[in-house]
Amino acid sequence: MTTQLTPNFLSDIVRAAIKRGATDAEAIAIETTEFSVEVRLGEIEKLKEAASRGLGLRVLYEGRQASASTSDLSAQAIDELITNAVEMARLTSVDDAAVLPAREDFASDGSGDLALYDQAIAELPTERKIEMAQASEAAARRFDPRITNSEGAGCSTTLGHMILVTSAGFAGEYRGTNCTLATEPVARQGEQMQVAGWRDSQRFFASLDEPEEIGQEAARRVLRKLGGRKVPTQEVPIVFEASASEDLLSDFFEAVNGEAIFRRASFLVGKLGEQIASEAVTIIDDGRLRGGLGTRPFDSEGLPTRRTAVVENGVLRSYLLNTYTARKLGLRSTANAARGLVGAPSVGINNYFIAPGPHSPAEIIASVKQGFYVTETIGFGFNPVTGDYSRGAAGLWIENGQLTYPVEEVTIAGNFRDILRGIEMVGNDLRFRSKLAAPTMKVSKMMVSGD
């Protein structure tokens, strides 16, 4: 008989850990059913369906902590899991910040109407997923004769179930769905070849872009890269396309992450309440956004998720924290705990985004006499301690408010303090395709290094 993962089953494990000597304990279970298909030139290359489930146990013993996990749910395996976790905790170093949240802080209600699970994704036939991938690739390939090949297209779905139980009095669970569709065409012009892709990912099937739309957008993106060239080194306004703005926002998370703050490894240490960006910038983390890919009723420690204004009209209002980092800083958790089956909770994002502004992307581009429209950033070049930023970039050159020719093999550089303060315009084109999203943005000036 297959053991069922339920809150009661996890509660028994937590109680057993306490009986073995643990001061506190928390058990987490994660079950997933994943399907993916990859096609290339219309033919199926890979087809995979897999189900997995696992259980993790974190125990605390007089300020010490340890964790262990297993996918074997037999009585003997669970007994060994508990024994090993408790014994390891006794051997680790004391850390006074390693505690569970206070009982009164735990989430008390269910998921409510957060729109986490879509039965249409759960029931989506295999044949339909294959057709979607093929249709997306076909739409890209027939878009223009310069599209001569394909790196393929893929469709994937995930059904997930998460349960968390702690000795401090929390027990909760939720289920979620996800569907992703992507394609990556290849374009050729003379001797030059370029590759680019496009994708969409949503919790609800009805919210997913049509396969043809994804294919056509991928085609447009690869075609505009043909004929790319360098530009002379100069300081000019930079317009970050939405997808490039997302890369910028991801870098900013490294600096606002509570782990970087308490380790004093961020240029934002001690900056709460200060103006760190232009008034056009508001950055939000929202775990309650209905249907969001990062939405959940509680974080990985059982705290109720919420909407946190990280930056509000340019003022730094909050860091992103879990219980550990909040305790280190003398603050309260923002319910941003994230974790897998093993290890202590880290700090993660829920639905993390730059709030949209009033300007269309066309208006933003039109405001630039001469500058660089960045569609892609490449590599890693951000130092959260100093704020120094330097990345490879590609995109299109702007002349007199018009996109002219493609640019590649250049570097954009500046300091994040100046970048944030220099954001002059924020677009109205915010669209979530993952847990992180940002609109088009214009920065007053950055250094572009080319020839």
Protein backbone atom coordinates (compact mmCIF):
# COMPACT_ATOMS: atom_id res chain seq x y z
CA MET A 1 0.00 0.00 0.00
CA THR A 2 1.39 3.40 -1.00
CA THR A 3 1.91 5.84 1.86
CA GLN A 4 -0.07 9.04 1.37
CA LEU A 5 1.58 12.35 2.08
CA THR A 6 -0.87 14.24 4.29
CA PRO A 7 -0.60 16.88 7.03
CA ASN A 8 -1.38 14.17 9.60
CA PHE A 9 1.47 12.00 8.33
CA LEU A 10 3.88 14.93 8.63
CA SER A 11 2.52 15.80 12.08
CA ASP A 12 3.40 12.30 13.29
CA ILE A 13 6.98 12.78 12.06
CA VAL A 14 7.30 16.16 13.78
CA ARG A 15 6.00 14.71 17.07
CA ALA A 16 8.43 11.81 16.79
CA ALA A 17 11.34 14.22 16.29
CA ILE A 18 10.35 16.11 19.45
CA LYS A 19 10.18 12.83 21.39
CA ARG A 20 13.70 12.02 20.18
CA GLY A 21 14.99 15.21 21.76
CA ALA A 22 14.51 17.97 19.16
CA THR A 23 13.58 21.37 20.60
CA ASP A 24 11.54 22.15 17.49
CA ALA A 25 10.95 20.52 14.12
CA GLU A 26 9.32 21.13 10.77
CA ALA A 27 8.48 18.66 8.03
CA ILE A 28 7.93 19.54 4.38
CA ALA A 29 6.61 17.32 1.60
CA ILE A 30 6.68 18.10 -2.11
CA GLU A 31 4.93 16.07 -4.80
CA THR A 32 5.18 16.91 -8.51
CA THR A 33 3.95 15.44 -11.75
CA GLU A 34 5.86 16.81 -14.73
CA PHE A 35 5.38 16.40 -18.44
CA SER A 36 7.52 17.81 -21.24
CA VAL A 37 7.75 17.42 -24.97
CA GLU A 38 10.45 18.81 -27.25
CA VAL A 39 10.04 18.98 -31.01
CA ARG A 40 12.42 20.06 -33.74
CA LEU A 41 11.50 20.63 -37.38
CA GLY A 42 8.08 19.25 -36.60
CA GLU A 43 9.31 15.93 -35.22
CA ILE A 44 9.22 14.81 -31.59
CA GLU A 45 12.73 14.60 -30.12
CA LYS A 46 11.96 14.09 -26.43
CA LEU A 47 8.87 13.09 -24.52
CA LYS A 48 9.03 12.77 -20.76
CA GLU A 49 6.58 12.30 -17.93
CA ALA A 50 7.74 11.87 -14.37
CA ALA A 51 6.24 11.90 -10.90
CA SER A 52 8.27 12.55 -7.79
CA ARG A 53 7.66 12.99 -4.12
CA GLY A 54 9.93 13.64 -1.23
CA LEU A 55 9.92 14.54 2.42
CA GLY A 56 12.29 16.80 4.30
CA LEU A 57 12.77 17.22 8.03
CA ARG A 58 14.49 20.15 9.73
CA VAL A 59 15.12 19.89 13.45
CA LEU A 60 16.36 22.44 15.96
CA TYR A 61 18.15 21.50 19.15
CA GLU A 62 19.04 24.23 21.64
CA GLY A 63 19.99 26.74 18.96
CA ARG A 64 21.47 24.16 16.61
CA GLN A 65 19.83 22.90 13.43
CA ALA A 66 20.15 20.18 10.80
CA SER A 67 18.04 18.69 8.05
CA ALA A 68 17.62 15.47 6.11
CA SER A 69 15.34 14.21 3.35
CA THR A 70 14.05 11.01 1.81
CA SER A 71 11.88 9.76 -1.01
CA ASP A 72 11.40 6.45 0.80
CA LEU A 73 8.29 6.70 2.97
CA SER A 74 8.58 3.29 4.62
CA ALA A 75 8.45 3.16 8.41
CA GLN A 76 12.14 2.20 8.61
CA ALA A 77 13.24 5.03 6.30
CA ILE A 78 11.22 7.59 8.25
CA ASP A 79 12.68 6.32 11.53
CA GLU A 80 16.22 6.69 10.12
CA LEU A 81 15.38 10.17 8.81
CA ILE A 82 14.31 11.35 12.25
CA THR A 83 17.28 9.74 14.01
CA ASN A 84 19.81 11.18 11.58
CA ALA A 85 18.38 14.69 11.67
CA VAL A 86 18.31 14.85 15.47
CA GLU A 87 21.82 13.43 15.81
CA MET A 88 23.23 15.86 13.25
CA ALA A 89 21.56 18.81 14.98
CA ARG A 90 23.31 17.92 18.26
CA LEU A 91 26.67 18.19 16.48
CA THR A 92 26.25 21.55 14.74
CA SER A 93 27.18 24.99 16.06
CA VAL A 94 24.79 27.16 18.02
CA ASP A 95 23.07 29.94 16.07
CA ASP A 96 20.63 32.00 18.13
CA ALA A 97 18.83 33.19 14.98
CA ALA A 98 17.91 29.63 13.98
CA VAL A 99 14.34 29.53 15.29
CA LEU A 100 10.86 28.81 14.02
CA PRO A 101 8.43 31.71 13.65
CA ALA A 102 6.30 32.62 16.65
CA ARG A 103 3.02 30.72 16.86
CA GLU A 104 0.95 33.89 16.57
CA ASP A 105 2.63 34.82 13.28
CA PHE A 106 1.61 31.71 11.33
CA ALA A 107 -0.93 31.78 8.52
CA SER A 108 -4.34 30.81 9.85
CA ASP A 109 -6.49 30.76 6.72
CA GLY A 110 -6.36 28.64 3.59
CA SER A 111 -5.34 29.63 0.10
CA GLY A 112 -8.62 31.47 -0.42
CA ASP A 113 -9.25 32.53 -3.97
CA LEU A 114 -5.61 32.77 -5.01
CA ALA A 115 -6.22 30.81 -8.25
CA LEU A 116 -3.29 28.39 -7.91
CA TYR A 117 -4.66 25.30 -9.63
CA ASP A 118 -6.15 24.87 -13.10
CA GLN A 119 -7.94 21.65 -13.87
CA ALA A 120 -7.60 22.41 -17.58
CA ILE A 121 -3.82 22.01 -17.30
CA ALA A 122 -4.21 18.83 -15.26
CA GLU A 123 -6.44 17.38 -17.98
CA LEU A 124 -4.53 18.69 -21.01
CA PRO A 125 -4.07 15.72 -23.39
CA THR A 126 -0.59 14.69 -24.45
CA GLU A 127 -1.58 15.11 -28.08
CA ARG A 128 -2.57 18.72 -27.47
CA LYS A 129 0.78 19.53 -25.81
CA ILE A 130 2.61 18.07 -28.80
CA GLU A 131 0.42 20.04 -31.19
CA MET A 132 1.11 23.27 -29.28
CA ALA A 133 4.88 22.81 -29.51
CA GLN A 134 4.66 21.96 -33.20
CA ALA A 135 2.35 24.89 -33.95
CA SER A 136 4.64 27.33 -32.18
CA GLU A 137 7.71 26.16 -34.09
CA ALA A 138 5.82 26.10 -37.41
CA ALA A 139 4.58 29.68 -36.91
CA ALA A 140 8.16 30.84 -36.40
CA ARG A 141 9.54 28.93 -39.39
CA ARG A 142 6.99 30.25 -41.87
CA PHE A 143 7.23 33.84 -40.62
CA ASP A 144 10.10 34.83 -42.94
CA PRO A 145 12.29 32.99 -45.50
CA ARG A 146 15.39 34.06 -43.57
CA ILE A 147 14.34 31.69 -40.80
CA THR A 148 16.08 28.60 -42.08
CA ASN A 149 16.31 26.30 -39.09
CA SER A 150 15.15 25.73 -35.54
CA GLU A 151 16.63 24.84 -32.20
CA GLY A 152 13.23 23.40 -31.39
CA ALA A 153 10.11 24.11 -29.38
CA GLY A 154 8.78 22.69 -26.16
CA CYS A 155 5.67 22.42 -24.06
CA SER A 156 5.72 21.44 -20.39
CA THR A 157 3.24 21.17 -17.56
CA THR A 158 3.76 20.78 -13.81
CA LEU A 159 1.26 19.78 -11.14
CA GLY A 160 2.58 20.44 -7.65
CA HIS A 161 1.51 19.75 -4.08
CA MET A 162 3.25 21.19 -1.03
CA ILE A 163 2.63 20.39 2.65
CA LEU A 164 4.29 22.04 5.65
CA VAL A 165 3.88 21.09 9.31
CA THR A 166 5.82 22.55 12.26
CA SER A 167 6.04 21.80 15.96
CA ALA A 168 5.19 25.45 16.64
CA GLY A 169 1.61 24.80 15.61
CA PHE A 170 1.38 25.29 11.84
CA ALA A 171 -0.04 22.84 9.33
CA GLY A 172 -0.93 23.79 5.77
CA GLU A 173 -0.91 22.63 2.17
CA TYR A 174 -1.65 23.89 -1.33
CA ARG A 175 -1.63 22.66 -4.91
CA GLY A 176 -0.55 24.50 -8.02
CA THR A 177 -0.26 24.15 -11.79
CA ASN A 178 1.99 25.57 -14.46
CA CYS A 179 2.14 25.39 -18.25
CA THR A 180 5.07 26.65 -20.33
CA LEU A 181 5.43 26.95 -24.10
CA ALA A 182 8.62 28.06 -25.85
CA THR A 183 10.28 28.07 -29.26
CA GLU A 184 13.72 29.05 -30.59
CA PRO A 185 14.11 29.67 -34.33
CA VAL A 186 17.36 30.16 -36.26
CA ALA A 187 17.73 32.91 -38.86
CA ARG A 188 20.41 33.31 -41.52
CA GLN A 189 21.46 36.27 -43.63
CA GLY A 190 24.50 35.71 -45.83
CA GLU A 191 27.13 34.11 -43.65
CA GLN A 192 25.59 35.34 -40.43
CA MET A 193 23.37 33.14 -38.29
CA GLN A 194 21.38 34.18 -35.21
CA VAL A 195 19.30 32.33 -32.62
CA ALA A 196 16.62 33.77 -30.37
CA GLY A 197 13.61 32.43 -28.55
CA TRP A 198 10.40 33.38 -26.82
CA ARG A 199 8.28 31.72 -24.16
CA ASP A 200 5.27 32.10 -21.96
CA SER A 201 4.49 30.43 -18.66
CA GLN A 202 1.20 30.66 -16.76
CA ARG A 203 -0.73 28.96 -13.96
CA PHE A 204 -3.91 28.90 -16.05
CA PHE A 205 -4.11 27.49 -19.57
CA ALA A 206 -6.53 30.19 -20.68
CA SER A 207 -3.92 32.86 -19.81
CA LEU A 208 -1.19 31.31 -21.96
CA ASP A 209 -0.34 33.07 -25.21
CA GLU A 210 -1.44 31.19 -28.33
CA PRO A 211 1.26 28.96 -29.87
CA GLU A 212 1.25 31.03 -33.07
CA GLU A 213 1.81 34.24 -31.10
CA ILE A 214 4.80 32.75 -29.30
CA GLY A 215 6.27 31.49 -32.57
CA GLN A 216 5.79 34.81 -34.34
CA GLU A 217 7.32 36.78 -31.49
CA ALA A 218 10.33 34.43 -31.45
CA ALA A 219 10.67 35.03 -35.20
CA ARG A 220 10.58 38.80 -34.83
CA ARG A 221 13.21 38.66 -32.11
CA VAL A 222 15.66 36.55 -34.10
CA LEU A 223 15.21 38.54 -37.31
CA ARG A 224 15.99 41.86 -35.65
CA LYS A 225 19.38 40.47 -34.56
CA LEU A 226 20.58 39.94 -38.14
CA GLY A 227 23.28 42.33 -39.26
CA GLY A 228 24.34 43.27 -35.76
CA ARG A 229 27.40 45.48 -35.29
CA LYS A 230 29.36 47.24 -32.59
CA VAL A 231 29.09 50.95 -31.85
CA PRO A 232 31.78 53.39 -30.69
CA THR A 233 32.28 53.69 -26.94
CA GLN A 234 30.07 56.49 -25.62
CA GLU A 235 27.71 57.52 -22.84
CA VAL A 236 24.08 57.57 -23.97
CA PRO A 237 20.53 56.98 -22.71
CA ILE A 238 19.62 53.31 -22.40
CA VAL A 239 16.14 51.88 -22.94
CA PHE A 240 15.76 48.44 -21.41
CA GLU A 241 13.16 46.31 -23.18
CA ALA A 242 10.89 44.55 -20.66
CA SER A 243 12.83 41.28 -20.74
CA ALA A 244 16.10 43.18 -20.19
CA SER A 245 14.50 45.18 -17.36
CA GLU A 246 13.74 41.85 -15.72
CA ASP A 247 17.45 41.01 -15.72
CA LEU A 248 18.11 44.34 -14.02
CA LEU A 249 15.44 43.62 -11.41
CA SER A 250 16.93 40.18 -10.78
CA ASP A 251 20.28 41.82 -10.03
CA PHE A 252 18.58 44.25 -7.65
CA PHE A 253 17.23 41.29 -5.66
CA GLU A 254 20.79 40.32 -4.82
CA ALA A 255 21.19 43.67 -3.07
CA VAL A 256 17.81 43.75 -1.28
CA ASN A 257 18.02 40.11 -0.13
CA GLY A 258 18.16 39.96 3.67
CA GLU A 259 21.04 37.50 3.55
CA ALA A 260 23.20 40.10 1.78
CA ILE A 261 22.05 42.82 4.17
CA PHE A 262 22.92 41.09 7.45
CA ARG A 263 26.27 39.98 6.00
CA ARG A 264 26.85 43.62 4.99
CA ALA A 265 27.39 42.50 1.41
CA SER A 266 25.07 45.03 -0.22
CA PHE A 267 25.24 48.69 -1.14
CA LEU A 268 21.76 49.01 0.42
CA VAL A 269 22.88 48.32 4.01
CA GLY A 270 21.46 51.02 6.29
CA LYS A 271 19.45 52.64 3.49
CA LEU A 272 15.89 51.94 4.69
CA GLY A 273 13.79 55.06 4.38
CA GLU A 274 16.22 56.72 1.97
CA GLN A 275 15.66 57.79 -1.62
CA ILE A 276 17.68 55.26 -3.63
CA ALA A 277 15.93 55.54 -7.01
CA SER A 278 13.96 58.03 -9.05
CA GLU A 279 10.36 58.70 -8.04
CA ALA A 280 9.26 56.75 -11.12
CA VAL A 281 10.40 53.48 -9.52
CA THR A 282 8.18 51.30 -7.33
CA ILE A 283 9.20 47.68 -6.72
CA ILE A 284 6.76 45.21 -5.20
CA ASP A 285 6.90 41.63 -3.94
CA ASP A 286 3.37 40.20 -3.76
CA GLY A 287 2.66 36.66 -2.64
CA ARG A 288 -1.11 37.17 -2.87
CA LEU A 289 -1.39 38.18 -6.53
CA ARG A 290 -4.26 36.10 -7.86
CA GLY A 291 -3.05 33.50 -10.34
CA GLY A 292 0.58 34.60 -10.08
CA LEU A 293 3.33 32.06 -10.65
CA GLY A 294 4.86 33.08 -7.31
CA THR A 295 1.58 33.20 -5.43
CA ARG A 296 1.16 30.96 -2.37
CA PRO A 297 -0.96 31.16 0.79
CA PHE A 298 2.07 30.85 3.06
CA ASP A 299 5.82 30.92 2.66
CA SER A 300 8.19 28.03 3.36
CA GLU A 301 8.04 28.71 7.11
CA GLY A 302 4.25 28.92 7.33
CA LEU A 303 3.95 32.71 7.46
CA PRO A 304 1.05 34.28 5.55
CA THR A 305 2.27 35.81 2.31
CA ARG A 306 1.61 39.48 1.69
CA ARG A 307 2.26 42.45 -0.55
CA THR A 308 5.53 44.18 0.33
CA ALA A 309 6.57 47.53 -1.08
CA VAL A 310 10.33 47.13 -1.44
CA VAL A 311 10.83 50.49 -3.14
CA GLU A 312 8.04 53.06 -3.17
CA ASN A 313 8.39 56.10 -5.44
CA GLY A 314 12.14 55.67 -5.21
CA VAL A 315 12.32 55.25 -1.41
CA LEU A 316 13.67 51.97 -0.01
CA ARG A 317 10.88 50.74 2.24
CA SER A 318 11.81 47.13 2.97
CA TYR A 319 14.33 44.39 2.50
CA LEU A 320 13.09 40.89 1.59
CA LEU A 321 13.42 38.64 4.64
CA ASN A 322 12.76 35.23 6.09
CA THR A 323 12.66 34.55 9.84
CA TYR A 324 16.41 34.01 10.13
CA THR A 325 17.51 37.16 8.33
CA ALA A 326 14.79 39.22 10.05
CA ARG A 327 16.04 38.04 13.44
CA LYS A 328 19.62 38.89 12.48
CA LEU A 329 18.53 42.41 11.54
CA GLY A 330 16.03 43.00 14.33
CA LEU A 331 13.18 43.23 11.82
CA ARG A 332 10.09 41.18 10.93
CA SER A 333 9.95 38.57 8.19
CA THR A 334 8.34 39.68 4.93
CA ALA A 335 7.21 36.06 4.32
CA ASN A 336 9.86 35.45 1.67
CA ALA A 337 11.17 32.15 3.02
CA ALA A 338 11.97 29.63 0.28
CA ARG A 339 13.29 26.10 0.62
CA GLY A 340 13.58 22.68 -0.87
CA LEU A 341 13.53 19.43 1.02
CA VAL A 342 16.98 19.89 2.56
CA GLY A 343 18.58 22.83 4.26
CA ALA A 344 17.42 25.85 6.18
CA PRO A 345 15.03 28.27 4.49
CA SER A 346 16.65 30.87 2.26
CA VAL A 347 15.22 34.17 1.02
CA GLY A 348 13.34 34.04 -2.27
CA ILE A 349 10.81 36.01 -4.27
CA ASN A 350 7.06 35.61 -4.55
CA ASN A 351 5.68 37.72 -7.43
CA TYR A 352 8.44 40.32 -7.68
CA PHE A 353 8.00 43.20 -10.09
CA ILE A 354 8.51 46.81 -11.03
CA ALA A 355 5.15 48.56 -11.02
CA PRO A 356 4.11 49.80 -14.48
CA GLY A 357 4.34 53.45 -15.38
CA PRO A 358 2.30 55.67 -17.73
CA HIS A 359 4.42 55.44 -20.88
CA SER A 360 4.10 53.11 -23.87
CA PRO A 361 7.33 51.50 -25.10
CA ALA A 362 6.95 53.52 -28.32
CA GLU A 363 6.82 56.77 -26.33
CA ILE A 364 9.92 55.82 -24.40
CA ILE A 365 11.89 55.01 -27.55
CA ALA A 366 10.66 58.20 -29.21
CA SER A 367 12.04 60.28 -26.32
CA VAL A 368 15.64 59.27 -27.16
CA LYS A 369 17.55 61.26 -29.74
CA GLN A 370 20.51 58.88 -29.73
CA GLY A 371 20.81 55.82 -27.52
CA PHE A 372 20.71 52.08 -27.11
CA TYR A 373 17.61 49.87 -26.92
CA VAL A 374 18.78 46.82 -24.95
CA THR A 375 16.90 43.61 -25.72
CA GLU A 376 19.34 41.15 -24.19
CA THR A 377 21.95 41.18 -21.43
CA ILE A 378 24.69 38.60 -21.37
CA GLY A 379 26.86 37.14 -18.63
CA PHE A 380 27.22 38.12 -14.99
CA GLY A 381 28.62 41.48 -14.02
CA PHE A 382 26.94 42.90 -10.91
CA ASN A 383 28.68 43.45 -7.58
CA PRO A 384 25.99 43.92 -4.89
CA VAL A 385 28.56 45.19 -2.39
CA THR A 386 29.69 48.17 -4.47
CA GLY A 387 26.78 48.42 -6.90
CA ASP A 388 29.12 48.22 -9.89
CA TYR A 389 27.35 46.87 -12.97
CA SER A 390 28.79 45.70 -16.28
CA ARG A 391 27.18 43.28 -18.71
CA GLY A 392 27.43 42.25 -22.31
CA ALA A 393 24.42 43.46 -24.26
CA ALA A 394 22.64 43.29 -27.60
CA GLY A 395 19.77 45.25 -29.06
CA LEU A 396 19.03 48.06 -31.47
CA TRP A 397 20.45 51.55 -31.90
CA ILE A 398 18.09 54.50 -31.52
CA GLU A 399 18.43 57.54 -33.79
CA ASN A 400 15.97 60.44 -33.53
CA GLY A 401 13.46 58.33 -31.66
CA GLN A 402 13.55 55.46 -34.15
CA LEU A 403 15.00 51.96 -33.92
CA THR A 404 17.60 51.73 -36.68
CA TYR A 405 20.16 48.93 -36.85
CA PRO A 406 20.99 45.95 -34.62
CA VAL A 407 23.84 46.18 -32.13
CA GLU A 408 25.82 43.29 -30.67
CA GLU A 409 29.09 42.53 -28.88
CA VAL A 410 29.00 45.63 -26.68
CA THR A 411 29.08 46.17 -22.92
CA ILE A 412 26.87 48.45 -20.87
CA ALA A 413 28.24 49.69 -17.55
CA GLY A 414 27.48 51.96 -14.62
CA ASN A 415 26.83 51.86 -10.90
CA PHE A 416 23.47 50.65 -9.64
CA ARG A 417 23.08 53.77 -7.50
CA ASP A 418 23.25 55.91 -10.63
CA ILE A 419 21.15 53.49 -12.70
CA LEU A 420 18.31 53.53 -10.18
CA ARG A 421 18.36 57.32 -9.81
CA GLY A 422 18.61 57.70 -13.57
CA ILE A 423 15.39 55.85 -14.43
CA GLU A 424 13.42 58.59 -16.19
CA MET A 425 10.52 56.69 -17.74
CA VAL A 426 8.74 53.44 -16.85
CA GLY A 427 6.56 51.62 -19.36
CA ASN A 428 2.98 50.40 -19.17
CA ASP A 429 3.82 46.98 -20.66
CA LEU A 430 4.17 44.87 -17.49
CA ARG A 431 3.37 41.21 -18.25
CA PHE A 432 4.12 38.25 -15.99
CA ARG A 433 5.72 35.24 -17.70
CA SER A 434 7.47 34.04 -14.54
CA LYS A 435 7.61 35.04 -10.87
CA LEU A 436 9.62 38.12 -11.85
CA ALA A 437 8.41 40.84 -14.22
CA ALA A 438 9.28 44.36 -15.29
CA PRO A 439 8.17 46.84 -17.97
CA THR A 440 10.27 48.78 -20.47
CA MET A 441 12.43 51.43 -18.74
CA LYS A 442 14.62 54.36 -19.77
CA VAL A 443 17.84 55.18 -17.91
CA SER A 444 19.18 58.68 -18.53
CA LYS A 445 22.73 57.58 -19.32
CA MET A 446 25.08 54.62 -19.16
CA MET A 447 28.40 53.81 -20.76
CA VAL A 448 28.25 51.66 -23.90
CA SER A 449 31.60 50.12 -24.80
CA GLY A 450 32.06 48.78 -28.32
CA ASP A 451 34.81 49.49 -30.82
